[in-house]
N, C-alpha and C. Protein backbone atom coordinates (compact mmCIF):
# COMPACT_ATOMS: atom_id res chain seq x y z
N MET A 1 0.84 -1.16 0.00
CA MET A 1 0.00 0.00 0.00
C MET A 1 0.89 1.23 0.00
N LEU A 2 0.58 2.14 -0.87
CA LEU A 2 1.36 3.37 -0.97
C LEU A 2 0.91 4.36 0.10
N LEU A 3 1.86 5.07 0.66
CA LEU A 3 1.54 6.09 1.65
C LEU A 3 1.84 7.46 1.06
N THR A 4 0.90 8.36 1.23
CA THR A 4 1.11 9.73 0.76
C THR A 4 1.09 10.66 1.96
N PRO A 5 1.90 11.66 1.93
CA PRO A 5 1.88 12.58 3.08
C PRO A 5 0.57 13.37 3.10
N GLY A 6 0.02 13.50 4.30
CA GLY A 6 -1.22 14.26 4.49
C GLY A 6 -0.91 15.74 4.57
N PRO A 7 -1.94 16.57 4.72
CA PRO A 7 -1.73 18.01 4.77
C PRO A 7 -0.95 18.44 6.02
N ASP A 8 -1.04 17.68 7.10
CA ASP A 8 -0.34 18.04 8.33
C ASP A 8 0.98 17.31 8.47
N GLY A 9 1.33 16.49 7.52
CA GLY A 9 2.61 15.81 7.58
C GLY A 9 2.54 14.31 7.77
N PRO A 10 1.63 13.74 8.61
CA PRO A 10 1.66 12.29 8.79
C PRO A 10 1.19 11.58 7.52
N ALA A 11 1.70 10.39 7.33
CA ALA A 11 1.36 9.62 6.13
C ALA A 11 0.01 8.94 6.30
N GLU A 12 -0.80 8.95 5.23
CA GLU A 12 -2.10 8.29 5.21
C GLU A 12 -2.13 7.31 4.05
N PRO A 13 -2.86 6.22 4.20
CA PRO A 13 -2.97 5.28 3.08
C PRO A 13 -3.72 5.92 1.90
N ALA A 14 -3.12 5.83 0.73
CA ALA A 14 -3.73 6.44 -0.45
C ALA A 14 -4.83 5.55 -1.02
N GLU A 15 -4.76 4.27 -0.82
CA GLU A 15 -5.70 3.34 -1.44
C GLU A 15 -6.98 3.15 -0.60
N ARG A 16 -6.97 3.47 0.67
CA ARG A 16 -8.07 3.13 1.56
C ARG A 16 -9.42 3.72 1.13
N PRO A 17 -9.54 4.99 0.78
CA PRO A 17 -10.87 5.50 0.37
C PRO A 17 -11.39 4.81 -0.89
N ARG A 18 -10.52 4.51 -1.82
CA ARG A 18 -10.96 3.85 -3.05
C ARG A 18 -11.41 2.42 -2.74
N ILE A 19 -10.71 1.72 -1.86
CA ILE A 19 -11.09 0.36 -1.49
C ILE A 19 -12.43 0.36 -0.78
N ARG A 20 -12.64 1.33 0.10
CA ARG A 20 -13.92 1.41 0.80
C ARG A 20 -15.07 1.69 -0.15
N ARG A 21 -14.85 2.59 -1.11
CA ARG A 21 -15.90 2.87 -2.09
C ARG A 21 -16.21 1.63 -2.91
N THR A 22 -15.17 0.93 -3.33
CA THR A 22 -15.37 -0.28 -4.13
C THR A 22 -16.10 -1.34 -3.32
N ALA A 23 -15.70 -1.53 -2.07
CA ALA A 23 -16.36 -2.53 -1.22
C ALA A 23 -17.82 -2.17 -0.99
N ALA A 24 -18.11 -0.89 -0.76
CA ALA A 24 -19.49 -0.45 -0.56
C ALA A 24 -20.31 -0.67 -1.83
N HIS A 25 -19.72 -0.39 -2.98
CA HIS A 25 -20.41 -0.58 -4.24
C HIS A 25 -20.71 -2.07 -4.47
N VAL A 26 -19.73 -2.93 -4.22
CA VAL A 26 -19.92 -4.37 -4.38
C VAL A 26 -20.99 -4.88 -3.42
N ARG A 27 -20.98 -4.40 -2.19
CA ARG A 27 -21.97 -4.82 -1.19
C ARG A 27 -23.38 -4.40 -1.61
N ARG A 28 -23.53 -3.17 -2.14
CA ARG A 28 -24.85 -2.70 -2.59
C ARG A 28 -25.34 -3.52 -3.79
N ARG A 29 -24.44 -3.80 -4.72
CA ARG A 29 -24.85 -4.60 -5.89
C ARG A 29 -25.24 -6.01 -5.49
N PHE A 30 -24.50 -6.62 -4.53
CA PHE A 30 -24.84 -7.97 -4.07
C PHE A 30 -26.18 -7.96 -3.35
N ARG A 31 -26.44 -6.93 -2.54
CA ARG A 31 -27.71 -6.82 -1.82
C ARG A 31 -28.86 -6.70 -2.81
N ALA A 32 -28.68 -5.92 -3.88
CA ALA A 32 -29.73 -5.78 -4.90
C ALA A 32 -29.93 -7.09 -5.64
N TRP A 33 -28.84 -7.78 -5.98
CA TRP A 33 -28.93 -9.07 -6.67
C TRP A 33 -29.64 -10.09 -5.79
N ARG A 34 -29.29 -10.12 -4.51
CA ARG A 34 -29.86 -11.07 -3.57
C ARG A 34 -31.35 -10.81 -3.36
N GLY A 35 -31.78 -9.56 -3.42
CA GLY A 35 -33.18 -9.23 -3.20
C GLY A 35 -34.09 -9.59 -4.37
N GLU A 36 -33.52 -9.86 -5.53
CA GLU A 36 -34.33 -10.15 -6.71
C GLU A 36 -34.52 -11.63 -6.96
N ARG A 37 -34.05 -12.48 -6.06
CA ARG A 37 -34.13 -13.92 -6.27
C ARG A 37 -34.21 -14.64 -4.93
N PRO A 38 -34.60 -15.90 -4.91
CA PRO A 38 -34.67 -16.65 -3.65
C PRO A 38 -33.28 -17.09 -3.19
N PHE A 39 -32.51 -16.15 -2.68
CA PHE A 39 -31.11 -16.40 -2.34
C PHE A 39 -30.97 -17.48 -1.26
N TRP A 40 -31.71 -17.33 -0.16
CA TRP A 40 -31.55 -18.27 0.95
C TRP A 40 -32.05 -19.66 0.56
N ALA A 41 -33.07 -19.75 -0.27
CA ALA A 41 -33.54 -21.05 -0.74
C ALA A 41 -32.45 -21.74 -1.56
N GLY A 42 -31.79 -20.99 -2.42
CA GLY A 42 -30.69 -21.57 -3.20
C GLY A 42 -29.52 -21.98 -2.35
N LEU A 43 -29.23 -21.20 -1.31
CA LEU A 43 -28.13 -21.53 -0.42
C LEU A 43 -28.41 -22.81 0.37
N PHE A 44 -29.61 -22.92 0.94
CA PHE A 44 -29.96 -24.13 1.68
C PHE A 44 -30.03 -25.35 0.76
N THR A 45 -30.54 -25.16 -0.45
CA THR A 45 -30.66 -26.28 -1.38
C THR A 45 -29.27 -26.77 -1.81
N SER A 46 -28.37 -25.85 -2.11
CA SER A 46 -27.01 -26.25 -2.48
C SER A 46 -26.30 -26.89 -1.29
N ALA A 47 -26.53 -26.35 -0.10
CA ALA A 47 -25.90 -26.92 1.09
C ALA A 47 -26.46 -28.30 1.40
N ALA A 48 -27.67 -28.60 0.99
CA ALA A 48 -28.25 -29.92 1.21
C ALA A 48 -27.54 -30.98 0.38
N GLY A 49 -27.05 -30.60 -0.78
CA GLY A 49 -26.38 -31.58 -1.64
C GLY A 49 -25.01 -31.99 -1.12
N LEU A 50 -24.35 -31.14 -0.35
CA LEU A 50 -22.98 -31.44 0.09
C LEU A 50 -22.88 -32.63 1.04
N PRO A 51 -23.67 -32.71 2.14
CA PRO A 51 -23.54 -33.90 2.99
C PRO A 51 -24.03 -35.17 2.31
N ILE A 52 -25.00 -35.02 1.41
CA ILE A 52 -25.49 -36.20 0.70
C ILE A 52 -24.40 -36.74 -0.22
N LEU A 53 -23.62 -35.85 -0.82
CA LEU A 53 -22.48 -36.29 -1.64
C LEU A 53 -21.33 -36.81 -0.79
N TYR A 54 -21.11 -36.24 0.37
CA TYR A 54 -19.91 -36.53 1.16
C TYR A 54 -19.95 -37.88 1.86
N TRP A 55 -21.02 -38.17 2.60
CA TRP A 55 -21.01 -39.33 3.48
C TRP A 55 -20.85 -40.68 2.78
N PRO A 56 -21.41 -40.93 1.62
CA PRO A 56 -21.21 -42.26 1.02
C PRO A 56 -19.78 -42.53 0.54
N TYR A 57 -18.99 -41.49 0.38
CA TYR A 57 -17.66 -41.68 -0.20
C TYR A 57 -16.53 -41.46 0.78
N VAL A 58 -16.83 -41.25 2.04
CA VAL A 58 -15.79 -41.00 3.04
C VAL A 58 -15.49 -42.29 3.79
N ASN A 59 -14.23 -42.47 4.15
CA ASN A 59 -13.83 -43.59 4.98
C ASN A 59 -13.40 -43.05 6.34
N LEU A 60 -14.13 -43.44 7.37
CA LEU A 60 -13.85 -42.97 8.72
C LEU A 60 -13.15 -44.06 9.51
N ASP A 61 -12.27 -43.67 10.41
CA ASP A 61 -11.63 -44.61 11.33
C ASP A 61 -12.07 -44.27 12.73
N MET A 62 -12.71 -45.20 13.38
CA MET A 62 -13.11 -45.02 14.77
C MET A 62 -12.21 -45.92 15.62
N GLY A 63 -11.10 -45.34 16.05
CA GLY A 63 -10.11 -46.14 16.77
C GLY A 63 -9.41 -47.06 15.78
N ALA A 64 -9.49 -48.35 16.02
CA ALA A 64 -8.87 -49.32 15.12
C ALA A 64 -9.88 -49.92 14.15
N VAL A 65 -11.12 -49.47 14.21
CA VAL A 65 -12.18 -50.04 13.38
C VAL A 65 -12.47 -49.09 12.22
N PRO A 66 -12.21 -49.53 10.98
CA PRO A 66 -12.56 -48.67 9.84
C PRO A 66 -14.07 -48.70 9.61
N LEU A 67 -14.61 -47.55 9.35
CA LEU A 67 -16.04 -47.41 9.11
C LEU A 67 -16.22 -46.88 7.69
N ALA A 68 -16.62 -47.75 6.78
CA ALA A 68 -16.82 -47.35 5.39
C ALA A 68 -18.31 -47.27 5.12
N MET A 69 -18.79 -46.10 4.73
CA MET A 69 -20.20 -45.91 4.45
C MET A 69 -20.49 -45.97 2.96
N SER A 70 -19.49 -46.27 2.16
CA SER A 70 -19.73 -46.35 0.72
C SER A 70 -20.46 -47.65 0.43
N THR A 71 -21.70 -47.51 0.03
CA THR A 71 -22.56 -48.66 -0.20
C THR A 71 -23.08 -48.59 -1.63
N THR A 72 -23.97 -49.49 -1.95
CA THR A 72 -24.54 -49.46 -3.30
C THR A 72 -25.33 -48.20 -3.58
N PRO A 73 -25.91 -47.54 -2.57
CA PRO A 73 -26.58 -46.28 -2.88
C PRO A 73 -25.62 -45.14 -3.20
N GLY A 74 -24.34 -45.42 -3.35
CA GLY A 74 -23.39 -44.36 -3.67
C GLY A 74 -23.73 -43.65 -4.96
N ALA A 75 -24.20 -44.41 -5.96
CA ALA A 75 -24.59 -43.78 -7.23
C ALA A 75 -25.83 -42.90 -7.04
N GLY A 76 -26.79 -43.37 -6.25
CA GLY A 76 -27.97 -42.57 -5.98
C GLY A 76 -27.62 -41.31 -5.21
N SER A 77 -26.69 -41.43 -4.28
CA SER A 77 -26.24 -40.26 -3.52
C SER A 77 -25.57 -39.25 -4.43
N LEU A 78 -24.77 -39.74 -5.37
CA LEU A 78 -24.10 -38.85 -6.31
C LEU A 78 -25.12 -38.09 -7.16
N ILE A 79 -26.12 -38.80 -7.65
CA ILE A 79 -27.13 -38.16 -8.50
C ILE A 79 -27.94 -37.15 -7.71
N ILE A 80 -28.40 -37.54 -6.51
CA ILE A 80 -29.22 -36.64 -5.70
C ILE A 80 -28.42 -35.42 -5.27
N GLY A 81 -27.17 -35.62 -4.84
CA GLY A 81 -26.35 -34.49 -4.41
C GLY A 81 -26.07 -33.50 -5.52
N VAL A 82 -25.73 -34.02 -6.69
CA VAL A 82 -25.45 -33.13 -7.83
C VAL A 82 -26.73 -32.40 -8.26
N LEU A 83 -27.85 -33.09 -8.25
CA LEU A 83 -29.11 -32.44 -8.62
C LEU A 83 -29.48 -31.34 -7.63
N LEU A 84 -29.27 -31.58 -6.34
CA LEU A 84 -29.59 -30.54 -5.35
C LEU A 84 -28.71 -29.31 -5.52
N ILE A 85 -27.43 -29.52 -5.77
CA ILE A 85 -26.55 -28.37 -6.00
C ILE A 85 -26.96 -27.63 -7.27
N THR A 86 -27.32 -28.37 -8.30
CA THR A 86 -27.78 -27.74 -9.55
C THR A 86 -29.08 -26.97 -9.34
N LEU A 87 -29.99 -27.54 -8.54
CA LEU A 87 -31.24 -26.83 -8.27
C LEU A 87 -30.99 -25.56 -7.45
N GLY A 88 -30.02 -25.59 -6.55
CA GLY A 88 -29.67 -24.38 -5.80
C GLY A 88 -29.16 -23.29 -6.71
N LEU A 89 -28.31 -23.66 -7.66
CA LEU A 89 -27.82 -22.68 -8.62
C LEU A 89 -28.93 -22.20 -9.54
N THR A 90 -29.86 -23.09 -9.87
CA THR A 90 -31.01 -22.71 -10.69
C THR A 90 -31.86 -21.67 -9.98
N LEU A 91 -32.04 -21.85 -8.68
CA LEU A 91 -32.81 -20.86 -7.92
C LEU A 91 -32.14 -19.50 -7.94
N TRP A 92 -30.84 -19.47 -7.96
CA TRP A 92 -30.12 -18.19 -7.98
C TRP A 92 -30.18 -17.52 -9.34
N TYR A 93 -30.00 -18.30 -10.41
CA TYR A 93 -29.83 -17.70 -11.73
C TYR A 93 -31.07 -17.79 -12.61
N GLN A 94 -32.06 -18.58 -12.23
CA GLN A 94 -33.33 -18.66 -12.96
C GLN A 94 -34.48 -18.60 -11.96
N PRO A 95 -34.70 -17.47 -11.30
CA PRO A 95 -35.69 -17.43 -10.22
C PRO A 95 -37.13 -17.70 -10.67
N HIS A 96 -37.42 -17.59 -11.95
CA HIS A 96 -38.77 -17.87 -12.41
C HIS A 96 -39.08 -19.37 -12.36
N LEU A 97 -38.08 -20.22 -12.18
CA LEU A 97 -38.28 -21.67 -12.05
C LEU A 97 -38.36 -22.09 -10.58
N ARG A 98 -38.67 -21.15 -9.69
CA ARG A 98 -38.60 -21.42 -8.26
C ARG A 98 -39.57 -22.50 -7.81
N LEU A 99 -40.77 -22.56 -8.37
CA LEU A 99 -41.75 -23.56 -7.95
C LEU A 99 -41.31 -24.95 -8.36
N PHE A 100 -40.85 -25.11 -9.59
CA PHE A 100 -40.33 -26.39 -10.05
C PHE A 100 -39.14 -26.83 -9.20
N ALA A 101 -38.19 -25.91 -9.00
CA ALA A 101 -36.99 -26.26 -8.24
C ALA A 101 -37.34 -26.54 -6.78
N GLY A 102 -38.29 -25.83 -6.21
CA GLY A 102 -38.67 -26.06 -4.83
C GLY A 102 -39.32 -27.42 -4.62
N ILE A 103 -40.25 -27.76 -5.49
CA ILE A 103 -40.92 -29.06 -5.37
C ILE A 103 -39.94 -30.19 -5.63
N THR A 104 -39.08 -30.02 -6.62
CA THR A 104 -38.07 -31.06 -6.90
C THR A 104 -37.10 -31.19 -5.74
N THR A 105 -36.73 -30.10 -5.11
CA THR A 105 -35.85 -30.15 -3.94
C THR A 105 -36.52 -30.91 -2.81
N LEU A 106 -37.78 -30.63 -2.56
CA LEU A 106 -38.49 -31.35 -1.50
C LEU A 106 -38.55 -32.84 -1.78
N LEU A 107 -38.85 -33.22 -3.02
CA LEU A 107 -38.93 -34.63 -3.36
C LEU A 107 -37.57 -35.33 -3.27
N LEU A 108 -36.52 -34.66 -3.76
CA LEU A 108 -35.18 -35.26 -3.69
C LEU A 108 -34.68 -35.37 -2.25
N ALA A 109 -35.01 -34.38 -1.42
CA ALA A 109 -34.60 -34.45 -0.01
C ALA A 109 -35.28 -35.62 0.68
N LEU A 110 -36.55 -35.84 0.40
CA LEU A 110 -37.25 -36.97 1.00
C LEU A 110 -36.76 -38.30 0.42
N ALA A 111 -36.46 -38.33 -0.86
CA ALA A 111 -35.95 -39.56 -1.48
C ALA A 111 -34.55 -39.90 -0.99
N SER A 112 -33.81 -38.92 -0.49
CA SER A 112 -32.46 -39.19 -0.02
C SER A 112 -32.44 -39.93 1.32
N LEU A 113 -33.55 -39.94 2.03
CA LEU A 113 -33.59 -40.68 3.30
C LEU A 113 -33.27 -42.16 3.10
N PRO A 114 -33.99 -42.89 2.24
CA PRO A 114 -33.63 -44.30 2.08
C PRO A 114 -32.46 -44.53 1.13
N VAL A 115 -32.22 -43.60 0.22
CA VAL A 115 -31.21 -43.83 -0.81
C VAL A 115 -29.81 -43.44 -0.36
N ALA A 116 -29.67 -42.33 0.34
CA ALA A 116 -28.34 -41.76 0.57
C ALA A 116 -27.97 -41.74 2.05
N ASN A 117 -27.91 -42.92 2.67
CA ASN A 117 -27.46 -43.02 4.07
C ASN A 117 -28.18 -42.04 4.97
N LEU A 118 -29.49 -42.20 5.04
CA LEU A 118 -30.35 -41.33 5.84
C LEU A 118 -30.21 -39.86 5.46
N GLY A 119 -30.09 -39.63 4.19
CA GLY A 119 -30.04 -38.26 3.68
C GLY A 119 -28.85 -37.48 4.16
N GLY A 120 -27.68 -38.10 4.13
CA GLY A 120 -26.48 -37.41 4.61
C GLY A 120 -26.53 -37.23 6.11
N LEU A 121 -26.94 -38.31 6.80
CA LEU A 121 -27.09 -38.28 8.27
C LEU A 121 -28.01 -37.14 8.71
N PHE A 122 -29.13 -37.01 8.04
CA PHE A 122 -30.19 -36.04 8.30
C PHE A 122 -29.80 -34.59 8.04
N LEU A 123 -28.54 -34.28 7.81
CA LEU A 123 -28.14 -32.90 7.52
C LEU A 123 -28.68 -32.46 6.16
N GLY A 124 -28.54 -33.31 5.17
CA GLY A 124 -29.01 -32.98 3.83
C GLY A 124 -30.52 -32.90 3.75
N VAL A 125 -31.19 -33.78 4.49
CA VAL A 125 -32.66 -33.78 4.46
C VAL A 125 -33.20 -32.48 5.06
N PHE A 126 -32.69 -32.10 6.22
CA PHE A 126 -33.19 -30.88 6.86
C PHE A 126 -32.90 -29.64 6.02
N ALA A 127 -31.69 -29.54 5.50
CA ALA A 127 -31.35 -28.38 4.66
C ALA A 127 -32.19 -28.39 3.38
N GLY A 128 -32.42 -29.56 2.80
CA GLY A 128 -33.23 -29.64 1.59
C GLY A 128 -34.68 -29.28 1.83
N LEU A 129 -35.24 -29.71 2.97
CA LEU A 129 -36.62 -29.36 3.27
C LEU A 129 -36.77 -27.86 3.52
N ILE A 130 -35.80 -27.27 4.19
CA ILE A 130 -35.85 -25.82 4.41
C ILE A 130 -35.70 -25.07 3.09
N GLY A 131 -34.73 -25.48 2.27
CA GLY A 131 -34.51 -24.81 0.98
C GLY A 131 -35.70 -24.96 0.04
N GLY A 132 -36.27 -26.15 -0.03
CA GLY A 132 -37.42 -26.36 -0.90
C GLY A 132 -38.64 -25.57 -0.43
N SER A 133 -38.83 -25.51 0.89
CA SER A 133 -39.95 -24.74 1.42
C SER A 133 -39.77 -23.25 1.15
N LEU A 134 -38.55 -22.75 1.33
CA LEU A 134 -38.29 -21.34 1.04
C LEU A 134 -38.49 -21.03 -0.44
N ALA A 135 -38.08 -21.96 -1.30
CA ALA A 135 -38.24 -21.74 -2.74
C ALA A 135 -39.71 -21.70 -3.14
N CYS A 136 -40.52 -22.59 -2.57
CA CYS A 136 -41.94 -22.61 -2.91
C CYS A 136 -42.69 -21.39 -2.38
N SER A 137 -42.21 -20.84 -1.27
CA SER A 137 -42.93 -19.72 -0.67
C SER A 137 -42.41 -18.35 -1.10
N TRP A 138 -41.32 -18.31 -1.84
CA TRP A 138 -40.74 -17.02 -2.23
C TRP A 138 -41.60 -16.36 -3.30
N ILE A 139 -41.81 -15.07 -3.16
CA ILE A 139 -42.58 -14.29 -4.13
C ILE A 139 -41.65 -13.22 -4.69
N PRO A 140 -41.59 -13.07 -6.02
CA PRO A 140 -40.72 -12.04 -6.59
C PRO A 140 -41.15 -10.65 -6.14
N PRO A 141 -40.19 -9.74 -6.03
CA PRO A 141 -40.56 -8.38 -5.62
C PRO A 141 -41.42 -7.71 -6.68
N VAL A 142 -42.34 -6.89 -6.23
CA VAL A 142 -43.23 -6.18 -7.14
C VAL A 142 -42.52 -4.92 -7.60
N ALA A 143 -42.55 -4.68 -8.89
CA ALA A 143 -41.95 -3.46 -9.43
C ALA A 143 -42.78 -2.26 -8.98
N ASP A 144 -42.11 -1.21 -8.63
CA ASP A 144 -42.80 0.00 -8.20
C ASP A 144 -43.58 0.58 -9.38
N GLU A 145 -44.87 0.76 -9.16
CA GLU A 145 -45.70 1.34 -10.20
C GLU A 145 -45.70 2.86 -10.06
N PRO A 146 -45.73 3.55 -11.19
CA PRO A 146 -45.80 5.01 -11.08
C PRO A 146 -47.19 5.42 -10.54
N PRO A 147 -47.24 6.49 -9.78
CA PRO A 147 -48.54 6.90 -9.23
C PRO A 147 -49.50 7.30 -10.36
N ALA A 148 -50.73 6.94 -10.16
CA ALA A 148 -51.75 7.26 -11.18
C ALA A 148 -52.05 8.76 -11.17
N ALA A 149 -52.14 9.30 -12.37
CA ALA A 149 -52.44 10.73 -12.48
C ALA A 149 -53.90 10.96 -12.12
N GLY A 150 -54.18 11.95 -11.23
CA GLY A 150 -55.47 12.28 -10.67
C GLY A 150 -56.58 12.22 -11.63
């Protein structure tokens, strides 16, 4: 960071005001982007796919006893996890598909209970049910209408 002498002599960071303006601008743009789509529904839906993908493919050691959870439902877990992450991204970038993505998220989260090791040890199921419910209940913001002339 470059230092420039201030009017009274002490050095001040030259980049700090520009960085603050840029950060404030980025924060405002992200807030506006987040307000136009079901952001939290997409976040919970994508987060639901991660434990469903993780648990079937991890090898745990509990002391001297290896615990392998990779079972035949590993392929089903892979499909369900990838679909949930894709549906989360769909909610972010195609908000008009929110009802389809929400219902599909709810169905996949419930289907992951028997297929994907209790739905990623219940973490994926709970996150998927919350994300799907938020997606189904989200309503797009209403555009401000101009006032009617008297």
